[in-house]
Amino acid sequence: MRARTLLFAATIALAGIGAGAAGAYFAMNRQVPASDAATPPPEAGGRKILYYRNPMGAPDTSPVPKQDSMGMDYLPVYEGEEPPDDSGTVTLSPQRIQRLGVRSEMVERRMLTRPVRATGTVQFDERRQTIVALLFEGWIERLVASATGDKVRRGEALATIYSPALLLAEQEYVLTRKSTSTVAGLEAVALQRLRVLRVPEPEVERLRRGGEPRSMVDIPAPADGVVLEKPAILGMRVTPGDMLFKLVDLASVWVIADVPETGLADIRVGQAASIATAAYPDASFTGTVGYIYPAVARETRTVRVRIELPNPEERLKADMLARVEIMTGESAAAVPAVPESAVIDSGTRRVVLVDKGEGRFEPRAVKLGRRAGAYYPVVEGVAEGERVVVSATFLIDSESNLRAALKSFTPPKSE
């Protein structure tokens, strides 16, 4: 008797639980009469309502007006406004789009460049360095450029040299020029000897105009610049070949950049380069690639690239560290491009979210070229004028329906 009583009580309890669950289900998805729902009638303004869609973008629809579990009315979809039959399209409500901060950008044609970044150092322009040396013996009688760093101008005297050897060569030339019985050609030979000794041209012209021989001569600067090295000392004996001064023109300098081996293929002579330094953080210097050196450094796997740039204010100093950005890979013409932030890269393929308007987003596989800065050139997949979502990552993280849409781009297991 007691067993029957317990069985009867259990049956009553289960029936009560089932009734409660059914009641909750119908309360969550109750059908609301058309007169009570805040939706247009089936025939509103002559337009036919095809069905009602979930206001939060969920994929379920209803043939009659209804509300979701939060009490929000399903939205009518009129004839002619239905979205295309695309199982991959994700629909979001305007409120959801605003809350998630969805932002899209139009696919436009752009001139693309791929910057190669490297570090380097500022160096003197080797072609603007000059050695001042004599080809005759003498002594330094006077120093005009007396210190390293002195600025000199072309033709200005650097030093005065006393030289008996120079005096003899000048006397020989003057005698052959004045003698009426001189064998033909001796004057030219004596003049040639002065030139072989590299007697300064102003001194030779003085003798040709009738000047008298002398034992001291000014040594002029062969170019504009600054004194980089100065072995010359007042009173020092000078023999042929001895360097007196080393000059460098700072009007232009080089930056020798250590470019990674992987970026070498895109670099060409003549490409523009931007230079930044720690000394001038707000300034940028522009130069061009002048030469690509022929060897790779074994230790660093880098290649030296020479950037040539003007330095009219002499702000760039030798051995100054520099950050280099070489603008490479410029497209011959403008090409359709999508922002880097719009690309979802799964590792096996790339997808962008096409904004089709009215809250509809279509995941689409694309083929892209090499990235150029913040953009990828489009080979196929999207066309110029279409809009793509440039904040795609948040959609994957926050919208579970999108994962189902992207599933169509996942290779089958047999692959």
Protein backbone atom coordinates (compact mmCIF):
# COMPACT_ATOMS: atom_id res chain seq x y z
CA MET A 1 0.00 0.00 0.00
CA ARG A 2 2.81 2.33 0.88
CA ALA A 3 4.60 1.56 -2.44
CA ARG A 4 1.49 2.56 -4.39
CA THR A 5 1.28 5.82 -2.50
CA LEU A 6 4.93 6.70 -3.30
CA LEU A 7 4.49 5.82 -7.01
CA PHE A 8 1.39 8.00 -7.23
CA ALA A 9 3.19 10.94 -5.60
CA ALA A 10 6.16 10.65 -8.00
CA THR A 11 3.84 10.60 -10.99
CA ILE A 12 2.10 13.76 -9.81
CA ALA A 13 5.48 15.51 -9.29
CA LEU A 14 6.77 14.65 -12.77
CA ALA A 15 3.55 15.84 -14.33
CA GLY A 16 3.90 19.12 -12.48
CA ILE A 17 7.48 19.63 -13.68
CA GLY A 18 6.47 18.90 -17.27
CA ALA A 19 3.62 21.35 -17.12
CA GLY A 20 5.87 24.02 -15.67
CA ALA A 21 8.48 23.54 -18.42
CA ALA A 22 5.85 23.68 -21.12
CA GLY A 23 4.44 26.83 -19.63
CA ALA A 24 7.88 28.45 -19.55
CA TYR A 25 8.54 27.46 -23.15
CA PHE A 26 5.29 28.98 -24.39
CA ALA A 27 5.89 32.08 -22.31
CA MET A 28 9.29 32.52 -23.93
CA ASN A 29 7.96 32.09 -27.48
CA ARG A 30 4.34 33.02 -27.25
CA GLN A 31 2.42 33.94 -30.37
CA VAL A 32 1.05 37.45 -30.10
CA PRO A 33 -2.08 38.35 -32.05
CA ALA A 34 -1.56 40.86 -34.81
CA SER A 35 -3.78 43.32 -32.97
CA ASP A 36 -1.50 43.23 -29.87
CA ALA A 37 1.95 43.21 -31.53
CA ALA A 38 3.66 46.49 -32.39
CA THR A 39 4.15 45.46 -36.01
CA PRO A 40 2.48 46.52 -39.26
CA PRO A 41 -0.45 44.46 -40.53
CA PRO A 42 0.23 41.82 -43.20
CA GLU A 43 -0.80 44.32 -45.84
CA ALA A 44 0.81 47.66 -44.88
CA GLY A 45 0.60 50.38 -47.48
CA GLY A 46 0.00 47.86 -50.23
CA ARG A 47 3.21 45.96 -49.47
CA LYS A 48 3.07 42.29 -48.58
CA ILE A 49 4.83 41.08 -45.43
CA LEU A 50 6.72 37.88 -46.20
CA TYR A 51 7.79 36.98 -42.66
CA TYR A 52 9.10 38.41 -39.40
CA ARG A 53 12.76 38.27 -38.39
CA ASN A 54 14.46 38.26 -35.01
CA PRO A 55 15.25 41.84 -33.89
CA MET A 56 18.65 40.79 -32.50
CA GLY A 57 19.90 39.25 -35.73
CA ALA A 58 19.33 35.61 -34.76
CA PRO A 59 18.62 33.36 -37.76
CA ASP A 60 15.08 32.29 -36.66
CA THR A 61 12.04 33.81 -38.40
CA SER A 62 8.27 33.64 -37.92
CA PRO A 63 5.39 33.70 -40.40
CA VAL A 64 3.26 35.67 -37.90
CA PRO A 65 3.99 38.54 -35.49
CA LYS A 66 5.69 37.46 -32.26
CA GLN A 67 8.08 38.63 -29.57
CA ASP A 68 11.34 37.23 -28.36
CA SER A 69 12.17 36.24 -24.79
CA MET A 70 13.01 39.86 -23.97
CA GLY A 71 9.66 41.15 -25.15
CA MET A 72 11.05 42.72 -28.34
CA ASP A 73 8.83 42.60 -31.43
CA TYR A 74 10.02 40.64 -34.44
CA LEU A 75 10.61 42.93 -37.42
CA PRO A 76 8.61 42.57 -40.64
CA VAL A 77 10.34 41.78 -43.92
CA TYR A 78 8.38 43.15 -46.88
CA GLU A 79 8.22 41.80 -50.37
CA GLY A 80 11.13 43.17 -52.37
CA GLU A 81 13.18 43.82 -49.25
CA GLU A 82 14.09 40.26 -48.43
CA PRO A 83 17.84 39.58 -48.29
CA PRO A 84 19.32 37.35 -50.96
CA ASP A 85 19.34 33.64 -50.25
CA ASP A 86 22.85 33.46 -48.89
CA SER A 87 23.51 31.04 -46.07
CA GLY A 88 26.81 32.76 -45.35
CA THR A 89 25.34 36.22 -44.71
CA VAL A 90 25.15 37.42 -41.11
CA THR A 91 22.47 39.95 -40.15
CA LEU A 92 22.88 42.34 -37.23
CA SER A 93 20.32 44.75 -35.87
CA PRO A 94 21.10 48.50 -35.97
CA GLN A 95 21.33 48.52 -32.19
CA ARG A 96 23.84 45.67 -32.25
CA ILE A 97 25.89 47.35 -34.96
CA GLN A 98 26.04 50.56 -32.95
CA ARG A 99 26.88 48.75 -29.73
CA LEU A 100 29.68 46.74 -31.34
CA GLY A 101 31.09 49.76 -33.14
CA VAL A 102 31.07 48.17 -36.59
CA ARG A 103 33.07 50.28 -39.01
CA SER A 104 33.51 49.66 -42.72
CA GLU A 105 35.66 51.17 -45.45
CA MET A 106 35.28 51.24 -49.21
CA VAL A 107 37.62 49.23 -51.42
CA GLU A 108 39.49 51.89 -53.42
CA ARG A 109 42.32 52.02 -55.91
CA ARG A 110 45.61 53.06 -54.30
CA MET A 111 49.25 53.50 -55.22
CA LEU A 112 50.90 51.03 -52.85
CA THR A 113 54.44 50.99 -51.50
CA ARG A 114 56.12 48.47 -49.21
CA PRO A 115 58.53 50.18 -46.81
CA VAL A 116 61.67 48.28 -45.80
CA ARG A 117 62.89 49.39 -42.39
CA ALA A 118 66.48 49.18 -41.18
CA THR A 119 69.02 50.90 -38.98
CA GLY A 120 72.17 52.61 -40.16
CA THR A 121 74.83 55.21 -39.48
CA VAL A 122 75.66 58.55 -41.05
CA GLN A 123 78.98 58.61 -42.89
CA PHE A 124 80.93 61.13 -44.93
CA ASP A 125 80.40 61.14 -48.68
CA GLU A 126 83.57 59.45 -49.91
CA ARG A 127 83.39 61.34 -53.20
CA ARG A 128 83.58 64.66 -51.37
CA GLN A 129 86.79 63.97 -49.47
CA THR A 130 90.07 65.54 -50.62
CA ILE A 131 93.70 65.01 -49.64
CA VAL A 132 96.07 67.99 -49.85
CA ALA A 133 99.67 66.87 -50.48
CA LEU A 134 102.80 68.23 -52.21
CA LEU A 135 104.95 66.72 -54.95
CA PHE A 136 107.98 68.81 -54.04
CA GLU A 137 110.04 69.15 -50.89
CA GLY A 138 109.65 72.13 -48.56
CA TRP A 139 108.87 73.46 -45.11
CA ILE A 140 105.64 74.85 -43.68
CA GLU A 141 106.26 78.56 -43.26
CA ARG A 142 102.70 79.57 -42.30
CA LEU A 143 99.44 77.76 -41.39
CA VAL A 144 96.13 79.38 -42.30
CA ALA A 145 93.90 76.36 -41.57
CA SER A 146 95.42 75.76 -38.17
CA ALA A 147 92.87 73.42 -36.53
CA THR A 148 90.72 70.42 -37.31
CA GLY A 149 87.18 71.55 -38.07
CA ASP A 150 88.17 74.83 -39.71
CA LYS A 151 85.92 75.69 -42.63
CA VAL A 152 87.65 76.48 -45.89
CA ARG A 153 86.55 77.74 -49.28
CA ARG A 154 87.83 76.61 -52.63
CA GLY A 155 90.91 78.63 -53.63
CA GLU A 156 91.63 79.99 -50.15
CA ALA A 157 95.15 79.48 -48.80
CA LEU A 158 95.62 76.59 -46.38
CA ALA A 159 99.33 77.10 -45.77
CA THR A 160 102.46 78.79 -47.13
CA ILE A 161 105.37 76.52 -48.14
CA TYR A 162 109.06 77.47 -48.39
CA SER A 163 110.77 75.31 -51.04
CA PRO A 164 114.22 75.71 -52.66
CA ALA A 165 113.19 73.02 -55.17
CA LEU A 166 110.25 75.16 -56.22
CA LEU A 167 112.51 78.19 -56.58
CA LEU A 168 114.83 76.31 -58.98
CA ALA A 169 111.93 75.12 -61.12
CA GLU A 170 110.52 78.63 -61.39
CA GLN A 171 113.92 80.11 -62.27
CA GLU A 172 114.34 77.57 -65.05
CA TYR A 173 110.97 78.49 -66.52
CA VAL A 174 111.61 82.24 -66.34
CA LEU A 175 115.04 81.90 -68.00
CA THR A 176 113.68 79.83 -70.89
CA ARG A 177 110.83 82.29 -71.37
CA LYS A 178 113.11 85.36 -71.43
CA SER A 179 115.95 83.91 -73.50
CA THR A 180 115.84 84.79 -77.19
CA SER A 181 118.21 82.00 -78.12
CA THR A 182 116.23 79.27 -76.35
CA VAL A 183 115.86 76.10 -78.32
CA ALA A 184 112.32 75.71 -79.51
CA GLY A 185 110.19 73.79 -77.04
CA LEU A 186 112.33 74.32 -73.93
CA GLU A 187 109.86 76.83 -72.52
CA ALA A 188 107.07 74.31 -72.90
CA VAL A 189 109.24 71.68 -71.18
CA ALA A 190 109.95 74.01 -68.25
CA LEU A 191 106.25 74.84 -67.98
CA GLN A 192 105.40 71.17 -68.02
CA ARG A 193 107.83 70.55 -65.17
CA LEU A 194 105.98 73.09 -63.01
CA ARG A 195 102.73 71.30 -63.72
CA VAL A 196 104.24 67.90 -62.92
CA LEU A 197 105.33 69.25 -59.53
CA ARG A 198 101.72 70.34 -59.00
CA VAL A 199 102.69 73.94 -58.49
CA PRO A 200 99.41 75.76 -57.80
CA GLU A 201 97.84 77.13 -60.96
CA PRO A 202 97.68 80.74 -59.66
CA GLU A 203 101.46 80.63 -59.19
CA VAL A 204 102.02 79.33 -62.74
CA GLU A 205 99.82 82.08 -64.18
CA ARG A 206 101.79 84.69 -62.22
CA LEU A 207 105.04 83.48 -63.83
CA ARG A 208 103.52 83.45 -67.32
CA ARG A 209 102.46 87.07 -66.88
CA GLY A 210 106.06 88.01 -66.14
CA GLY A 211 106.36 87.40 -62.43
CA GLU A 212 109.73 86.72 -60.84
CA PRO A 213 110.70 83.39 -59.27
CA ARG A 214 110.21 83.02 -55.53
CA SER A 215 110.82 80.36 -52.91
CA MET A 216 107.48 80.53 -51.08
CA VAL A 217 104.05 79.63 -52.41
CA ASP A 218 100.52 79.50 -50.98
CA ILE A 219 98.78 76.09 -51.09
CA PRO A 220 95.07 76.68 -51.94
CA ALA A 221 92.09 74.57 -50.86
CA PRO A 222 90.97 72.40 -53.79
CA ALA A 223 87.30 72.38 -52.65
CA ASP A 224 84.86 73.75 -50.11
CA GLY A 225 84.63 71.86 -46.86
CA VAL A 226 85.99 71.47 -43.36
CA VAL A 227 89.38 70.25 -42.19
CA LEU A 228 88.86 66.63 -41.20
CA GLU A 229 92.52 65.80 -40.52
CA LYS A 230 95.53 68.12 -40.17
CA PRO A 231 98.92 66.44 -39.92
CA ALA A 232 100.54 69.75 -40.95
CA ILE A 233 102.47 71.54 -38.20
CA LEU A 234 104.14 74.93 -38.46
CA GLY A 235 107.81 74.53 -39.40
CA MET A 236 107.42 70.87 -40.35
CA ARG A 237 109.45 69.49 -43.23
CA VAL A 238 107.32 68.18 -46.05
CA THR A 239 108.43 65.53 -48.53
CA PRO A 240 106.66 64.57 -51.76
CA GLY A 241 103.49 62.62 -51.01
CA ASP A 242 103.09 63.75 -47.40
CA MET A 243 99.47 64.56 -46.52
CA LEU A 244 99.06 68.07 -45.13
CA PHE A 245 95.27 68.23 -44.86
CA LYS A 246 92.22 66.05 -45.36
CA LEU A 247 89.10 67.98 -46.31
CA VAL A 248 85.49 66.86 -46.52
CA ASP A 249 82.50 68.64 -48.00
CA LEU A 250 79.47 68.18 -45.72
CA ALA A 251 76.93 69.47 -48.24
CA SER A 252 75.86 65.85 -48.71
CA VAL A 253 76.35 62.72 -46.62
CA TRP A 254 75.70 59.00 -46.80
CA VAL A 255 73.66 56.77 -44.54
CA ILE A 256 74.84 53.17 -44.64
CA ALA A 257 71.82 51.02 -43.75
CA ASP A 258 71.99 47.38 -42.70
CA VAL A 259 69.02 45.90 -44.55
CA PRO A 260 67.80 42.40 -43.64
CA GLU A 261 68.47 39.86 -46.34
CA THR A 262 64.75 39.11 -46.58
CA GLY A 263 63.97 42.68 -47.68
CA LEU A 264 66.67 42.96 -50.31
CA ALA A 265 64.58 41.74 -53.26
CA ASP A 266 62.38 44.86 -53.23
CA ILE A 267 65.18 47.45 -53.09
CA ARG A 268 66.32 49.26 -56.23
CA VAL A 269 68.79 52.06 -56.87
CA GLY A 270 66.96 55.37 -57.09
CA GLN A 271 64.19 54.54 -54.60
CA ALA A 272 63.30 57.17 -52.03
CA ALA A 273 64.30 56.70 -48.40
CA SER A 274 63.27 58.49 -45.23
CA ILE A 275 65.85 59.05 -42.47
CA ALA A 276 65.09 59.74 -38.80
CA THR A 277 67.56 60.31 -35.98
CA ALA A 278 67.42 60.49 -32.20
CA ALA A 279 69.09 63.91 -32.31
CA TYR A 280 66.21 65.39 -34.31
CA PRO A 281 63.09 63.37 -33.34
CA ASP A 282 60.71 65.80 -35.06
CA ALA A 283 62.67 66.01 -38.31
CA SER A 284 62.76 63.68 -41.29
CA PHE A 285 65.48 63.68 -43.94
CA THR A 286 64.90 62.41 -47.47
CA GLY A 287 67.46 60.67 -49.63
CA THR A 288 67.74 58.09 -52.40
CA VAL A 289 69.27 54.65 -52.66
CA GLY A 290 72.64 55.16 -54.34
CA TYR A 291 74.23 51.73 -54.15
CA ILE A 292 73.57 48.19 -52.89
CA TYR A 293 76.77 46.56 -51.68
CA PRO A 294 77.62 43.13 -53.14
CA ALA A 295 78.09 41.07 -49.95
CA VAL A 296 75.92 39.80 -47.09
CA ALA A 297 77.29 40.04 -43.56
CA ARG A 298 77.58 36.48 -42.26
CA GLU A 299 76.99 37.36 -38.63
CA THR A 300 73.85 39.50 -39.08
CA ARG A 301 72.55 38.32 -42.48
CA THR A 302 72.19 41.93 -43.57
CA VAL A 303 73.24 43.82 -46.69
CA ARG A 304 74.68 47.32 -46.64
CA VAL A 305 72.66 49.83 -48.66
CA ARG A 306 73.96 53.34 -49.28
CA ILE A 307 71.48 56.20 -48.97
CA GLU A 308 72.65 59.53 -50.39
CA LEU A 309 71.05 62.68 -49.04
CA PRO A 310 71.70 66.44 -48.99
CA ASN A 311 72.96 68.03 -45.78
CA PRO A 312 72.96 71.78 -46.48
CA GLU A 313 72.70 72.80 -42.83
CA GLU A 314 75.25 70.18 -41.75
CA ARG A 315 72.86 68.82 -39.13
CA LEU A 316 73.77 65.22 -39.83
CA LYS A 317 77.08 64.20 -38.26
CA ALA A 318 79.31 61.25 -39.01
CA ASP A 319 78.55 58.06 -37.02
CA MET A 320 75.13 59.37 -35.98
CA LEU A 321 72.61 56.52 -35.64
CA ALA A 322 69.70 56.60 -38.07
CA ARG A 323 66.41 54.82 -38.64
CA VAL A 324 65.87 54.15 -42.33
CA GLU A 325 62.65 53.48 -44.22
CA ILE A 326 63.05 52.66 -47.91
CA MET A 327 59.91 53.01 -50.01
CA THR A 328 59.93 49.88 -52.16
CA GLY A 329 57.51 47.95 -54.32
CA GLU A 330 55.56 50.92 -55.65
CA SER A 331 52.82 49.68 -57.95
CA ALA A 332 52.98 50.81 -61.55
CA ALA A 333 49.33 51.87 -61.34
CA ALA A 334 46.67 52.26 -58.67
CA VAL A 335 45.17 48.90 -57.68
CA PRO A 336 42.13 47.94 -55.56
CA ALA A 337 43.26 47.51 -51.96
CA VAL A 338 41.77 46.56 -48.59
CA PRO A 339 43.06 47.67 -45.19
CA GLU A 340 45.16 45.21 -43.23
CA SER A 341 42.67 45.40 -40.36
CA ALA A 342 39.90 44.05 -42.62
CA VAL A 343 41.67 40.75 -43.33
CA ILE A 344 40.94 37.64 -41.25
CA ASP A 345 43.87 35.28 -41.80
CA SER A 346 43.22 31.67 -40.75
CA GLY A 347 46.63 30.53 -41.87
CA THR A 348 45.26 28.62 -44.85
CA ARG A 349 43.11 31.30 -46.40
CA ARG A 350 42.08 34.93 -45.97
CA VAL A 351 38.58 36.26 -45.49
CA VAL A 352 37.06 39.72 -45.40
CA LEU A 353 33.59 40.73 -44.21
CA VAL A 354 31.71 42.53 -46.96
CA ASP A 355 29.25 45.12 -45.67
CA LYS A 356 26.19 44.61 -47.87
CA GLY A 357 24.13 47.26 -46.11
CA GLU A 358 21.04 47.07 -43.91
CA GLY A 359 22.98 45.18 -41.25
CA ARG A 360 24.03 42.31 -43.53
CA PHE A 361 27.64 41.10 -43.59
CA GLU A 362 29.01 38.44 -45.91
CA PRO A 363 32.26 36.59 -45.18
CA ARG A 364 34.14 36.24 -48.46
CA ALA A 365 37.38 34.48 -49.31
CA VAL A 366 39.88 36.74 -51.08
CA LYS A 367 43.20 36.38 -52.82
CA LEU A 368 45.61 39.16 -51.87
CA GLY A 369 49.05 40.30 -52.95
CA ARG A 370 51.94 41.20 -50.70
CA ARG A 371 51.14 43.67 -47.97
CA ALA A 372 52.20 47.24 -48.71
CA GLY A 373 52.17 49.32 -45.56
CA ALA A 374 48.67 49.20 -44.06
CA TYR A 375 47.00 47.76 -47.19
CA TYR A 376 46.83 44.56 -49.23
CA PRO A 377 46.37 44.68 -53.02
CA VAL A 378 43.31 42.67 -54.06
CA VAL A 379 43.84 39.98 -56.68
CA GLU A 380 40.31 38.58 -56.52
CA GLY A 381 37.37 38.26 -54.14
CA VAL A 382 36.13 41.83 -53.72
CA ALA A 383 35.67 44.60 -56.22
CA GLU A 384 36.37 48.30 -56.17
CA GLY A 385 33.47 50.17 -54.55
CA GLU A 386 32.41 47.39 -52.18
CA ARG A 387 32.66 48.06 -48.46
CA VAL A 388 34.56 45.82 -46.06
CA VAL A 389 34.49 45.78 -42.27
CA VAL A 390 37.79 47.13 -40.95
CA SER A 391 37.20 45.91 -37.40
CA ALA A 392 36.58 42.25 -38.18
CA THR A 393 38.17 40.68 -35.12
CA PHE A 394 35.53 41.86 -32.66
CA LEU A 395 32.81 40.26 -34.80
CA ILE A 396 34.43 36.86 -34.52
CA ASP A 397 34.79 37.21 -30.77
CA SER A 398 31.32 38.53 -30.06
CA GLU A 399 29.00 37.11 -32.71
CA SER A 400 28.59 33.34 -32.53
CA ASN A 401 26.53 33.31 -35.73
CA LEU A 402 29.53 34.56 -37.66
CA ARG A 403 31.48 31.44 -36.80
CA ALA A 404 28.83 29.40 -38.56
CA ALA A 405 29.09 31.69 -41.57
CA LEU A 406 32.87 31.28 -41.68
CA LYS A 407 32.50 27.52 -41.40
CA SER A 408 31.75 27.34 -45.12
CA PHE A 409 35.34 28.44 -45.77
CA THR A 410 36.85 25.65 -43.65
CA PRO A 411 38.39 22.87 -45.78
CA PRO A 412 36.73 19.43 -45.45
CA LYS A 413 38.52 16.86 -43.33
CA SER A 414 39.40 14.90 -46.46
CA GLU A 415 41.66 17.79 -47.48
